[in-house]
Amino acid sequence: MRITALAAALVLVVASAAPASAAAADGTYEYKLLAKAKPDECFNGIGVPYPAGPPCAEGQPKVNQAYVWGLTRVGTDIWFGTGTNNNCLTTGATLGATKPVLNADYVCEYAESQMVKNDPKIPPEIGDVRPPEVWVYDSRSQRNTDLSAQIDKRSTDDKYRRDHTIGLRAAGNFKDVVLLAGPTAEGYVNVFAFDARSHRYLGSTTYTGYGNVRTFLQYDNALYLGVGVGVNGGDGGAVLRWTGSLKSPFSFDVVASLPVQAADLSAYDGRIAATSWPAEGSVNAPEKMAGVWISPLLADGLPGLTTEDAAGWKQVWNARQYEPDKVTAATYGMGGVASYGGYLWWGSMHVPMKATKVHQKVYPQDTDEAKQAQVKGTQRATSIFRGKNLGTPDQKIELVYGAVALPVYDGVTKTWSNKTTNYTPLFGKSGFDNPYNNYTWRMVVTDGKLFVGTMDWSYVVQDIVSGGSQVAAPDPVGYGGDLWMFTDPEQKATAVNTTGMGNYLNYGIRNMIVDGTGGLYLGMANPMNLRTDLTDDVPEGGWELIHLTKSCK
């Protein structure tokens, strides 16, 4: 699709459903920046070898570390693993982008990256990957320490694993061991282990049987991990139970065998619930669609889930039960999930333009007008659902935020029309009434409230629509990921903040964990790798760790 058609279609989306005005903190909570990524490279042009620095005698500073991708707490220590240039990795690996992009906010080099030129095992579509980092923030001393060098110093194999890990997407801890895991450039999963008390590195390993990883869950004296099975998770999914120790940290049992990748995990009504991502062939196979799965009762048999439970999981809902367009439904992912007020709550995830790309393959269009209609008809904002009595004859699923009807394409008549979702939202439209809230990235319950963190891709849209020519500071109103709060399951959500928690380049709240006192630690997503000028009026790119606490005012 030509950029003019894409831009025109996105303008139509903007005009038809402008985002809600940004909301300031509601006064109940306040937030503080604890740590932030710093420039780690010098950029001097696409395909040009990176000059020494920073500081940069040539070129400009660049910050590659973009996401707090995995996050866990051990007492007063906040552990996190990073993701790098994630915007570039998604557009490359998911959308098939290969042409380098350069604008005032970020650069994506793809095949022109020095990573690809110097390492043939790095595929061009993820050429902007950099080794992820492991950090621990001590909330008592307010000191942030980078532990990554321990990995590189251990052995050439450990260094290779870090260099080839796309990002540390999951972090968890149990029995004095901290585990950080992430997908690899080869399509596998790497896991790194640390001693939670001494911060000593314990080692790493590669699991070639798994191909993606997303979330650890510590619950009921056990630690669980959701993964994809096969290269890049193409052969289904699993939930693993950690059976390791300080001396032997890389031991897991398979306690769920699923036809789809397990995404986020939550305890629910004496069980474990898992949201999922779709598998190949999901258009005509509901069990392979993104949805919600629940485990057998944890109290059955031995304590917690065991290998005997692996075949006992049940899909209780899938995206096709809501999305009327079957091609678009196959592109849904499911994200954050939490148990609150007697319900299991979950939300959807929509990679920008992914549904459009799939539609283009199934239904190629010949004219700009038809292509614009295809873009407009395939965009989705996140929807929030909840359910109770899951897996029983009394199961009840409700749409909390979403749509009554959505566009569906008829391949025979070659027309779009709105079809019912068979739901009526309880509290508002998709995306918490903002069409650019495309991910429900995390849900967490603390202080008797359900918090929901989103991704808002409106800032990225302005770069696409402008053709990458945007150089001035944009109006921050409406930009930045959102934090929403349910104070009661029967009342609509309240916006805690909708502008990236003080930095509108933070396009998402990627991670949230409780602080033990009713507040939250927030791990932000910010891939604006060229926004490093401290003297201009634009905030800086790179990950941020933020503490949300009750206001003393």
Protein backbone atom coordinates (compact mmCIF):
# COMPACT_ATOMS: atom_id res chain seq x y z
CA MET A 1 0.00 0.00 0.00
CA ARG A 2 1.32 3.43 -0.89
CA ILE A 3 1.94 5.77 2.02
CA THR A 4 -0.59 8.26 0.60
CA ALA A 5 -3.38 5.70 0.82
CA LEU A 6 -2.31 4.63 4.30
CA ALA A 7 -2.05 8.21 5.53
CA ALA A 8 -5.42 9.12 4.07
CA ALA A 9 -7.03 6.12 5.74
CA LEU A 10 -5.51 6.94 9.10
CA VAL A 11 -6.71 10.52 8.76
CA LEU A 12 -10.20 9.12 8.24
CA VAL A 13 -9.84 7.12 11.45
CA VAL A 14 -8.70 10.25 13.28
CA ALA A 15 -11.56 12.32 11.94
CA SER A 16 -14.21 9.73 12.70
CA ALA A 17 -13.12 9.01 16.27
CA ALA A 18 -10.76 11.48 17.88
CA PRO A 19 -9.10 10.38 21.12
CA ALA A 20 -10.48 11.54 24.42
CA SER A 21 -8.87 14.55 26.05
CA ALA A 22 -5.95 13.75 28.30
CA ALA A 23 -6.82 13.40 31.94
CA ALA A 24 -4.54 14.53 34.73
CA ALA A 25 -4.04 12.39 37.82
CA ASP A 26 -7.34 12.30 39.70
CA GLY A 27 -5.73 13.40 42.95
CA THR A 28 -5.95 9.99 44.61
CA TYR A 29 -2.52 8.91 43.38
CA GLU A 30 0.76 10.56 42.52
CA TYR A 31 3.77 9.20 40.70
CA LYS A 32 7.54 9.55 40.78
CA LEU A 33 10.20 8.67 38.21
CA LEU A 34 12.69 6.27 39.81
CA ALA A 35 14.99 5.34 36.92
CA LYS A 36 15.31 5.90 33.18
CA ALA A 37 17.28 4.51 30.25
CA LYS A 38 20.24 6.58 29.11
CA PRO A 39 21.74 6.94 25.61
CA ASP A 40 23.91 3.92 24.85
CA GLU A 41 24.94 4.40 21.22
CA CYS A 42 25.80 7.08 18.67
CA PHE A 43 23.85 7.28 15.41
CA ASN A 44 25.36 8.92 12.36
CA GLY A 45 23.09 7.81 9.53
CA ILE A 46 21.29 4.68 8.33
CA GLY A 47 23.77 1.93 7.53
CA VAL A 48 26.71 3.92 8.86
CA PRO A 49 28.97 2.26 11.48
CA TYR A 50 28.21 3.59 14.95
CA PRO A 51 30.74 6.18 16.15
CA ALA A 52 32.31 5.81 19.58
CA GLY A 53 30.35 7.02 22.59
CA PRO A 54 28.27 8.45 24.05
CA PRO A 55 29.27 11.15 24.50
CA CYS A 56 29.18 11.41 20.73
CA ALA A 57 31.90 13.36 18.92
CA GLU A 58 30.15 12.28 15.72
CA GLY A 59 26.45 11.73 15.15
CA GLN A 60 23.82 12.01 17.84
CA PRO A 61 23.08 10.06 21.06
CA LYS A 62 20.64 7.19 20.69
CA VAL A 63 18.82 5.22 23.40
CA ASN A 64 18.14 1.63 22.34
CA GLN A 65 16.76 0.32 25.64
CA ALA A 66 13.04 0.93 25.16
CA TYR A 67 10.81 -1.20 27.43
CA VAL A 68 10.72 -2.37 31.00
CA TRP A 69 9.67 -5.71 29.57
CA GLY A 70 9.91 -8.03 32.58
CA LEU A 71 9.30 -6.80 36.14
CA THR A 72 9.27 -8.49 39.56
CA ARG A 73 9.75 -7.48 43.21
CA VAL A 74 11.72 -9.20 45.95
CA GLY A 75 11.20 -7.25 49.17
CA THR A 76 12.59 -3.78 48.53
CA ASP A 77 14.40 -4.84 45.34
CA ILE A 78 12.68 -4.19 42.02
CA TRP A 79 14.14 -6.41 39.30
CA PHE A 80 13.54 -5.76 35.63
CA GLY A 81 14.70 -6.84 32.21
CA THR A 82 14.58 -4.60 29.18
CA GLY A 83 13.49 -4.74 25.56
CA THR A 84 15.24 -2.77 22.82
CA ASN A 85 13.84 -0.75 19.91
CA ASN A 86 10.61 -2.70 20.23
CA ASN A 87 8.70 -0.53 17.79
CA CYS A 88 11.19 -1.48 15.06
CA LEU A 89 11.12 -5.15 16.04
CA THR A 90 7.32 -5.29 15.84
CA THR A 91 7.05 -3.55 12.49
CA GLY A 92 9.82 -5.77 11.15
CA ALA A 93 8.89 -9.19 12.52
CA THR A 94 5.08 -8.79 12.60
CA LEU A 95 4.37 -6.41 9.72
CA GLY A 96 7.26 -7.43 7.45
CA ALA A 97 8.80 -3.95 7.22
CA THR A 98 12.21 -3.93 5.53
CA LYS A 99 12.66 -0.33 4.38
CA PRO A 100 14.60 1.78 6.92
CA VAL A 101 12.69 4.59 8.65
CA LEU A 102 14.19 7.82 9.98
CA ASN A 103 12.33 10.70 11.59
CA ALA A 104 12.79 13.07 14.49
CA ASP A 105 11.58 10.46 16.99
CA TYR A 106 13.20 7.18 16.00
CA VAL A 107 15.23 5.27 13.45
CA CYS A 108 14.66 1.68 12.33
CA GLU A 109 17.54 0.37 10.23
CA TYR A 110 16.44 -3.25 9.73
CA ALA A 111 18.91 -4.92 7.31
CA GLU A 112 21.13 -1.81 7.30
CA SER A 113 21.83 -2.19 11.02
CA GLN A 114 25.39 -2.98 12.04
CA MET A 115 23.93 -5.84 14.11
CA VAL A 116 22.90 -7.62 10.91
CA LYS A 117 26.10 -6.75 9.08
CA ASN A 118 28.26 -8.09 11.91
CA ASP A 119 26.18 -11.11 12.92
CA PRO A 120 24.59 -13.30 10.22
CA LYS A 121 22.35 -14.97 12.80
CA ILE A 122 20.40 -11.73 13.38
CA PRO A 123 17.52 -11.68 10.84
CA PRO A 124 17.09 -8.37 8.95
CA GLU A 125 13.53 -7.87 10.22
CA ILE A 126 14.88 -7.61 13.78
CA GLY A 127 18.10 -5.87 12.85
CA ASP A 128 17.47 -3.13 15.40
CA VAL A 129 17.71 -5.55 18.32
CA ARG A 130 20.37 -4.93 20.96
CA PRO A 131 21.35 -7.07 23.97
CA PRO A 132 18.77 -6.58 26.74
CA GLU A 133 19.80 -5.47 30.21
CA VAL A 134 19.10 -6.73 33.73
CA TRP A 135 18.58 -4.07 36.40
CA VAL A 136 17.74 -4.08 40.10
CA TYR A 137 16.40 -0.97 41.80
CA ASP A 138 16.80 -0.81 45.59
CA SER A 139 13.84 1.19 46.87
CA ARG A 140 15.60 1.83 50.19
CA SER A 141 18.83 3.31 48.83
CA GLN A 142 17.13 4.52 45.62
CA ARG A 143 20.04 3.01 43.69
CA ASN A 144 19.63 1.37 40.29
CA THR A 145 22.26 -1.23 39.38
CA ASP A 146 22.94 -2.81 35.99
CA LEU A 147 23.78 -6.50 36.44
CA SER A 148 24.19 -7.29 32.73
CA ALA A 149 27.99 -7.42 32.84
CA GLN A 150 27.81 -10.45 35.13
CA ILE A 151 26.19 -12.39 32.31
CA ASP A 152 28.84 -11.47 29.75
CA LYS A 153 31.71 -12.24 32.11
CA ARG A 154 30.47 -15.72 33.03
CA SER A 155 31.21 -17.42 29.69
CA THR A 156 31.07 -17.00 25.93
CA ASP A 157 27.85 -19.04 25.93
CA ASP A 158 26.20 -16.71 28.45
CA LYS A 159 27.28 -13.66 26.48
CA TYR A 160 26.00 -15.22 23.26
CA ARG A 161 22.63 -15.87 24.88
CA ARG A 162 22.27 -12.27 26.02
CA ASP A 163 23.41 -10.95 22.63
CA HIS A 164 20.79 -13.09 20.90
CA THR A 165 17.90 -12.51 23.30
CA ILE A 166 15.37 -10.18 21.67
CA GLY A 167 14.35 -8.90 25.09
CA LEU A 168 13.68 -10.06 28.63
CA ARG A 169 9.94 -10.26 28.34
CA ALA A 170 9.19 -12.11 31.57
CA ALA A 171 10.52 -11.80 35.11
CA GLY A 172 9.59 -13.74 38.23
CA ASN A 173 10.99 -14.88 41.54
CA PHE A 174 10.56 -17.74 43.97
CA LYS A 175 12.63 -19.30 46.75
CA ASP A 176 15.44 -16.73 46.52
CA VAL A 177 15.85 -17.12 42.75
CA VAL A 178 15.05 -14.41 40.20
CA LEU A 179 14.36 -15.63 36.67
CA LEU A 180 14.30 -13.47 33.55
CA ALA A 181 13.27 -14.97 30.22
CA GLY A 182 12.91 -13.85 26.64
CA PRO A 183 12.61 -14.99 23.01
CA THR A 184 15.75 -15.38 20.92
CA ALA A 185 16.76 -14.37 17.42
CA GLU A 186 16.72 -18.06 16.50
CA GLY A 187 13.11 -18.47 17.64
CA TYR A 188 13.79 -20.17 21.00
CA VAL A 189 13.63 -19.05 24.65
CA ASN A 190 16.54 -18.04 26.89
CA VAL A 191 16.29 -17.97 30.69
CA PHE A 192 18.74 -16.19 33.01
CA ALA A 193 18.90 -16.77 36.77
CA PHE A 194 20.15 -14.66 39.70
CA ASP A 195 20.40 -15.11 43.44
CA ALA A 196 17.71 -12.76 44.80
CA ARG A 197 19.64 -12.01 48.00
CA SER A 198 23.23 -11.53 46.80
CA HIS A 199 22.37 -10.45 43.22
CA ARG A 200 24.89 -13.04 42.05
CA TYR A 201 24.41 -14.39 38.54
CA LEU A 202 23.62 -18.12 38.55
CA GLY A 203 23.72 -18.90 34.84
CA SER A 204 21.52 -19.26 31.77
CA THR A 205 20.07 -21.85 29.45
CA THR A 206 18.28 -22.13 26.11
CA TYR A 207 15.02 -24.02 25.66
CA THR A 208 14.84 -25.01 22.00
CA GLY A 209 11.41 -26.58 22.47
CA TYR A 210 9.82 -23.21 23.28
CA GLY A 211 9.56 -20.17 21.06
CA ASN A 212 8.05 -17.30 23.04
CA VAL A 213 7.53 -16.29 26.64
CA ARG A 214 5.51 -13.59 28.34
CA THR A 215 4.55 -13.84 32.02
CA PHE A 216 5.53 -15.44 35.32
CA LEU A 217 2.88 -15.86 38.02
CA GLN A 218 3.69 -16.61 41.66
CA TYR A 219 0.63 -18.01 43.38
CA ASP A 220 -0.19 -20.49 46.15
CA ASN A 221 3.43 -21.43 46.86
CA ALA A 222 4.35 -22.05 43.22
CA LEU A 223 5.78 -20.18 40.24
CA TYR A 224 4.25 -20.57 36.77
CA LEU A 225 5.37 -19.39 33.33
CA GLY A 226 3.43 -19.03 30.08
CA VAL A 227 5.26 -19.93 26.84
CA GLY A 228 4.83 -20.71 23.17
CA VAL A 229 5.81 -24.13 21.84
CA GLY A 230 8.06 -24.65 18.82
CA VAL A 231 10.07 -22.12 16.86
CA ASN A 232 8.60 -18.67 17.52
CA GLY A 233 5.73 -20.36 19.34
CA GLY A 234 4.28 -21.70 16.10
CA ASP A 235 3.27 -25.12 17.44
CA GLY A 236 1.04 -24.11 20.32
CA GLY A 237 1.67 -23.19 23.92
CA ALA A 238 2.24 -24.37 27.46
CA VAL A 239 2.20 -23.31 31.07
CA LEU A 240 5.27 -24.42 33.01
CA ARG A 241 5.73 -24.83 36.76
CA TRP A 242 9.17 -24.04 38.13
CA THR A 243 10.67 -26.95 40.06
CA GLY A 244 14.18 -25.56 40.43
CA SER A 245 16.38 -24.25 43.23
CA LEU A 246 19.41 -22.03 43.82
CA LYS A 247 21.68 -24.91 42.90
CA SER A 248 19.60 -26.03 39.92
CA PRO A 249 17.52 -23.08 38.69
CA PHE A 250 16.49 -24.38 35.25
CA SER A 251 13.93 -27.04 36.02
CA PHE A 252 10.29 -26.85 34.91
CA ASP A 253 7.32 -29.20 34.59
CA VAL A 254 4.70 -28.82 31.86
CA VAL A 255 1.35 -28.28 33.60
CA ALA A 256 -0.64 -27.08 30.57
CA SER A 257 -0.49 -28.21 26.95
CA LEU A 258 -2.39 -25.75 24.77
CA PRO A 259 -2.97 -25.30 21.02
CA VAL A 260 -2.09 -21.60 21.40
CA GLN A 261 0.64 -19.53 23.07
CA ALA A 262 -0.04 -18.76 26.72
CA ALA A 263 0.17 -15.00 27.30
CA ASP A 264 -0.73 -13.49 30.68
CA LEU A 265 -1.60 -15.52 33.78
CA SER A 266 -3.80 -14.86 36.80
CA ALA A 267 -5.22 -16.74 39.75
CA TYR A 268 -8.99 -17.14 39.46
CA ASP A 269 -11.48 -18.99 41.68
CA GLY A 270 -9.02 -21.66 42.80
CA ARG A 271 -7.57 -22.08 39.32
CA ILE A 272 -5.06 -20.46 37.00
CA ALA A 273 -6.43 -18.48 34.07
CA ALA A 274 -4.38 -17.77 30.94
CA THR A 275 -5.02 -15.39 28.10
CA SER A 276 -3.61 -16.52 24.76
CA TRP A 277 -2.30 -15.40 21.40
CA PRO A 278 -3.54 -16.89 18.12
CA ALA A 279 -1.92 -19.76 16.25
CA GLU A 280 -1.62 -20.36 12.50
CA GLY A 281 -4.90 -21.50 10.99
CA SER A 282 -7.04 -19.79 13.60
CA VAL A 283 -9.44 -18.29 11.01
CA ASN A 284 -11.38 -21.54 10.90
CA ALA A 285 -10.31 -23.03 14.25
CA PRO A 286 -11.74 -21.35 17.36
CA GLU A 287 -9.45 -23.32 19.67
CA LYS A 288 -6.48 -21.66 17.95
CA MET A 289 -7.83 -18.15 18.35
CA ALA A 290 -6.80 -15.74 21.06
CA GLY A 291 -8.95 -16.34 24.09
CA VAL A 292 -9.11 -17.35 27.73
CA TRP A 293 -8.23 -20.74 29.19
CA ILE A 294 -8.70 -22.03 32.74
CA SER A 295 -6.90 -24.81 34.55
CA PRO A 296 -8.27 -27.63 36.67
CA LEU A 297 -8.75 -26.79 40.33
CA LEU A 298 -5.41 -26.35 42.07
CA ALA A 299 -6.76 -28.28 45.05
CA ASP A 300 -7.35 -31.44 43.01
CA GLY A 301 -4.66 -34.06 43.60
CA LEU A 302 -1.24 -32.78 44.66
CA PRO A 303 -0.89 -29.10 45.68
CA GLY A 304 -0.88 -26.70 42.75
CA LEU A 305 -0.75 -27.74 39.11
CA THR A 306 1.24 -30.82 38.11
CA THR A 307 1.97 -32.71 34.91
CA GLU A 308 -1.29 -34.59 35.43
CA ASP A 309 -3.17 -31.34 34.82
CA ALA A 310 -1.54 -30.61 31.45
CA ALA A 311 -4.44 -31.91 29.37
CA GLY A 312 -7.17 -30.61 31.66
CA TRP A 313 -7.29 -26.94 30.63
CA LYS A 314 -10.40 -25.56 28.95
CA GLN A 315 -10.98 -22.65 26.59
CA VAL A 316 -13.91 -20.66 28.01
CA TRP A 317 -13.97 -17.79 25.51
CA ASN A 318 -12.33 -16.73 22.23
CA ALA A 319 -12.14 -13.61 20.07
CA ARG A 320 -14.53 -14.94 17.42
CA GLN A 321 -17.34 -14.79 19.98
CA TYR A 322 -17.01 -11.01 19.86
CA GLU A 323 -15.37 -10.02 16.56
CA PRO A 324 -17.77 -10.53 13.60
CA ASP A 325 -15.07 -10.34 10.89
CA LYS A 326 -13.36 -13.73 10.94
CA VAL A 327 -10.15 -12.53 9.28
CA THR A 328 -9.76 -9.68 11.77
CA ALA A 329 -10.68 -12.01 14.64
CA ALA A 330 -7.71 -14.22 13.77
CA THR A 331 -5.34 -11.28 14.39
CA TYR A 332 -6.55 -10.53 17.93
CA GLY A 333 -4.25 -11.16 20.87
CA MET A 334 -5.30 -11.26 24.50
CA GLY A 335 -3.28 -9.39 27.10
CA GLY A 336 -3.70 -8.37 30.73
CA VAL A 337 -5.86 -10.53 32.98
CA ALA A 338 -6.83 -10.27 36.66
CA SER A 339 -9.40 -11.50 39.16
CA TYR A 340 -11.46 -8.70 40.73
CA GLY A 341 -14.86 -8.37 42.38
CA GLY A 342 -15.87 -11.96 41.70
CA TYR A 343 -15.03 -11.75 37.99
CA LEU A 344 -12.09 -12.62 35.80
CA TRP A 345 -11.23 -9.53 33.73
CA TRP A 346 -9.19 -9.48 30.51
CA GLY A 347 -8.47 -7.24 27.55
CA SER A 348 -7.56 -7.55 23.88
CA MET A 349 -4.40 -6.53 22.00
CA HIS A 350 -4.16 -5.26 18.43
CA VAL A 351 -0.80 -4.72 16.75
CA PRO A 352 -1.31 -1.55 14.66
CA MET A 353 -1.96 -2.44 11.01
CA LYS A 354 -1.62 -6.21 11.57
CA ALA A 355 -5.27 -6.89 10.74
CA THR A 356 -4.92 -4.65 7.67
CA LYS A 357 -1.90 -6.61 6.48
CA VAL A 358 -3.70 -9.94 6.84
CA HIS A 359 -6.79 -8.56 5.10
CA GLN A 360 -4.61 -7.37 2.24
CA LYS A 361 -3.38 -10.93 1.70
CA VAL A 362 -6.85 -12.47 1.84
CA TYR A 363 -8.67 -9.69 0.00
CA PRO A 364 -6.24 -7.70 -2.23
CA GLN A 365 -7.58 -4.28 -3.21
CA ASP A 366 -6.89 -2.46 -6.48
CA THR A 367 -7.80 1.16 -5.82
CA ASP A 368 -6.70 3.71 -3.24
CA GLU A 369 -10.31 4.17 -2.20
CA ALA A 370 -10.69 0.45 -1.51
CA LYS A 371 -7.36 0.33 0.32
CA GLN A 372 -8.39 3.25 2.51
CA ALA A 373 -11.65 1.48 3.34
CA GLN A 374 -9.66 -1.64 4.19
CA VAL A 375 -7.44 0.25 6.63
CA LYS A 376 -10.38 1.94 8.26
CA GLY A 377 -12.42 -1.26 8.46
CA THR A 378 -9.69 -3.30 10.14
CA GLN A 379 -8.56 -0.98 12.93
CA ARG A 380 -9.57 -2.08 16.42
CA ALA A 381 -9.10 -0.55 19.85
CA THR A 382 -8.76 -2.72 22.93
CA SER A 383 -11.88 -4.25 24.39
CA ILE A 384 -12.30 -5.15 28.06
CA PHE A 385 -14.27 -8.24 29.12
CA ARG A 386 -15.15 -9.97 32.34
CA GLY A 387 -16.67 -13.32 33.22
CA LYS A 388 -17.82 -15.41 36.13
CA ASN A 389 -18.64 -19.08 36.70
CA LEU A 390 -16.22 -19.80 33.89
CA GLY A 391 -16.28 -23.31 32.47
CA THR A 392 -19.68 -24.11 34.02
CA PRO A 393 -23.24 -24.13 32.59
CA ASP A 394 -23.78 -20.84 34.44
CA GLN A 395 -20.89 -19.08 32.70
CA LYS A 396 -21.53 -15.41 32.07
CA ILE A 397 -19.36 -13.15 29.88
CA GLU A 398 -19.85 -9.37 29.79
CA LEU A 399 -18.32 -6.65 27.63
CA VAL A 400 -17.08 -3.85 29.87
CA TYR A 401 -15.63 -1.51 27.23
CA GLY A 402 -16.13 -2.28 23.55
CA ALA A 403 -18.39 -2.05 20.52
CA VAL A 404 -21.97 -3.00 19.75
CA ALA A 405 -21.06 -3.51 16.09
CA LEU A 406 -17.85 -3.71 14.04
CA PRO A 407 -16.99 -3.55 10.31
CA VAL A 408 -17.09 -6.82 8.37
CA TYR A 409 -15.86 -7.35 4.80
CA ASP A 410 -17.92 -9.34 2.29
CA GLY A 411 -15.55 -10.94 -0.21
CA VAL A 412 -18.38 -11.57 -2.69
CA THR A 413 -19.89 -8.09 -2.82
CA LYS A 414 -16.55 -6.46 -1.96
CA THR A 415 -18.22 -4.14 0.52
CA TRP A 416 -17.92 -3.28 4.21
CA SER A 417 -20.87 -3.24 6.60
CA ASN A 418 -21.29 -3.13 10.36
CA LYS A 419 -22.29 -6.38 12.04
CA THR A 420 -23.28 -6.99 15.65
CA THR A 421 -20.77 -8.23 18.21
CA ASN A 422 -23.67 -9.68 20.22
CA TYR A 423 -22.56 -7.59 23.19
CA THR A 424 -23.54 -4.26 24.68
CA PRO A 425 -20.72 -2.59 26.63
CA LEU A 426 -21.45 -1.83 30.26
CA PHE A 427 -19.41 1.35 30.61
CA GLY A 428 -18.10 2.72 27.32
CA LYS A 429 -16.57 2.31 23.89
CA SER A 430 -13.46 0.37 22.91
CA GLY A 431 -10.15 1.70 24.18
CA PHE A 432 -11.79 3.38 27.18
CA ASP A 433 -13.42 5.67 24.58
CA ASN A 434 -10.04 6.27 22.87
CA PRO A 435 -9.65 4.51 19.46
CA TYR A 436 -5.85 4.58 19.78
CA ASN A 437 -5.70 2.52 22.97
CA ASN A 438 -4.79 -0.69 21.14
CA TYR A 439 -3.30 -2.88 23.91
CA THR A 440 -4.50 -3.92 27.32
CA TRP A 441 -0.94 -4.52 28.42
CA ARG A 442 -1.37 -5.30 32.10
CA MET A 443 -4.00 -5.65 34.82
CA VAL A 444 -3.15 -5.61 38.53
CA VAL A 445 -5.27 -5.53 41.69
CA THR A 446 -4.12 -3.60 44.77
CA ASP A 447 -5.76 -1.48 47.47
CA GLY A 448 -9.14 -2.97 46.53
CA LYS A 449 -8.92 -1.56 43.00
CA LEU A 450 -8.30 -2.97 39.53
CA PHE A 451 -5.67 -1.06 37.55
CA VAL A 452 -5.41 -1.37 33.77
CA GLY A 453 -2.42 -0.17 31.75
CA THR A 454 -2.72 0.42 28.02
CA MET A 455 -0.71 1.21 24.93
CA ASP A 456 -1.81 4.31 22.97
CA TRP A 457 -0.36 4.43 19.45
CA SER A 458 -1.62 7.91 18.50
CA TYR A 459 1.88 9.38 18.73
CA VAL A 460 3.17 6.82 16.23
CA VAL A 461 0.27 7.66 13.90
CA GLN A 462 1.36 11.29 13.62
CA ASP A 463 4.75 10.15 12.30
CA ILE A 464 3.09 7.88 9.72
CA VAL A 465 0.59 10.48 8.57
CA SER A 466 3.28 13.15 8.24
CA GLY A 467 5.50 10.81 6.27
CA GLY A 468 8.20 11.07 8.93
CA SER A 469 8.66 14.81 8.43
CA GLN A 470 7.48 15.83 11.90
CA VAL A 471 10.28 17.73 13.59
CA ALA A 472 8.55 20.15 15.97
CA ALA A 473 7.24 19.28 19.39
CA PRO A 474 3.67 17.95 19.02
CA ASP A 475 0.73 18.84 21.20
CA PRO A 476 1.00 16.31 24.06
CA VAL A 477 -2.75 16.23 24.70
CA GLY A 478 -3.98 12.73 23.95
CA TYR A 479 -0.54 11.13 23.52
CA GLY A 480 0.92 8.58 25.92
CA GLY A 481 -0.21 5.30 27.46
CA ASP A 482 -3.10 5.28 29.92
CA LEU A 483 -3.58 4.08 33.46
CA TRP A 484 -7.19 3.35 34.34
CA MET A 485 -8.68 2.31 37.67
CA PHE A 486 -11.85 0.45 38.65
CA THR A 487 -12.76 1.28 42.24
CA ASP A 488 -15.88 -0.89 42.08
CA PRO A 489 -16.72 -3.68 39.61
CA GLU A 490 -20.09 -2.11 38.93
CA GLN A 491 -18.81 1.37 38.12
CA LYS A 492 -16.99 2.68 35.08
CA ALA A 493 -13.25 3.17 35.21
CA THR A 494 -11.53 6.36 36.30
CA ALA A 495 -8.53 7.73 34.41
CA VAL A 496 -5.55 8.00 36.75
CA ASN A 497 -3.40 9.34 33.91
CA THR A 498 -3.68 9.30 30.11
CA THR A 499 -0.46 11.03 29.05
CA GLY A 500 2.26 8.47 29.70
CA MET A 501 2.72 9.26 33.39
CA GLY A 502 4.42 12.57 32.75
CA ASN A 503 6.15 11.71 29.46
CA TYR A 504 3.90 11.56 26.40
CA LEU A 505 6.57 9.58 24.53
CA ASN A 506 5.77 6.71 26.92
CA TYR A 507 3.26 5.15 24.56
CA GLY A 508 2.42 2.36 26.98
CA ILE A 509 2.41 1.01 30.50
CA ARG A 510 4.05 -2.30 29.71
CA ASN A 511 4.30 -3.64 33.23
CA MET A 512 2.78 -3.20 36.69
CA ILE A 513 3.54 -4.91 39.99
CA VAL A 514 2.28 -4.15 43.50
CA ASP A 515 4.60 -2.40 45.96
CA GLY A 516 3.07 -4.03 49.04
CA THR A 517 1.59 -0.80 50.43
CA GLY A 518 -1.30 -0.19 48.03
CA GLY A 519 0.79 1.39 45.28
CA LEU A 520 2.34 0.14 42.07
CA TYR A 521 5.64 0.02 40.25
CA LEU A 522 5.10 0.86 36.58
CA GLY A 523 7.40 -0.24 33.78
CA MET A 524 6.99 2.07 30.79
CA ALA A 525 7.39 1.48 27.05
CA ASN A 526 9.11 4.25 25.08
CA PRO A 527 10.95 3.36 21.82
CA MET A 528 11.62 6.94 20.67
CA ASN A 529 15.32 6.19 20.34
CA LEU A 530 16.42 9.55 18.86
CA ARG A 531 14.69 11.72 21.45
CA THR A 532 17.77 12.32 23.60
CA ASP A 533 18.21 16.11 23.46
CA LEU A 534 17.98 17.46 27.00
CA THR A 535 17.84 21.06 25.76
CA ASP A 536 14.68 20.92 23.63
CA ASP A 537 11.06 20.98 24.78
CA VAL A 538 10.38 17.33 23.90
CA PRO A 539 10.73 14.65 26.59
CA GLU A 540 13.28 11.85 26.23
CA GLY A 541 12.95 8.36 24.84
CA GLY A 542 13.83 5.08 26.55
CA TRP A 543 12.28 2.99 29.31
CA GLU A 544 11.19 4.45 32.64
CA LEU A 545 10.52 2.89 36.04
CA ILE A 546 7.82 4.81 37.91
CA HIS A 547 6.35 4.47 41.41
CA LEU A 548 2.64 5.18 41.85
CA THR A 549 1.57 5.89 45.42
CA LYS A 550 -1.44 7.25 47.25
CA SER A 551 -1.42 11.00 47.40
CA CYS A 552 -0.70 12.64 50.73
CA LYS A 553 -2.51 15.81 49.73
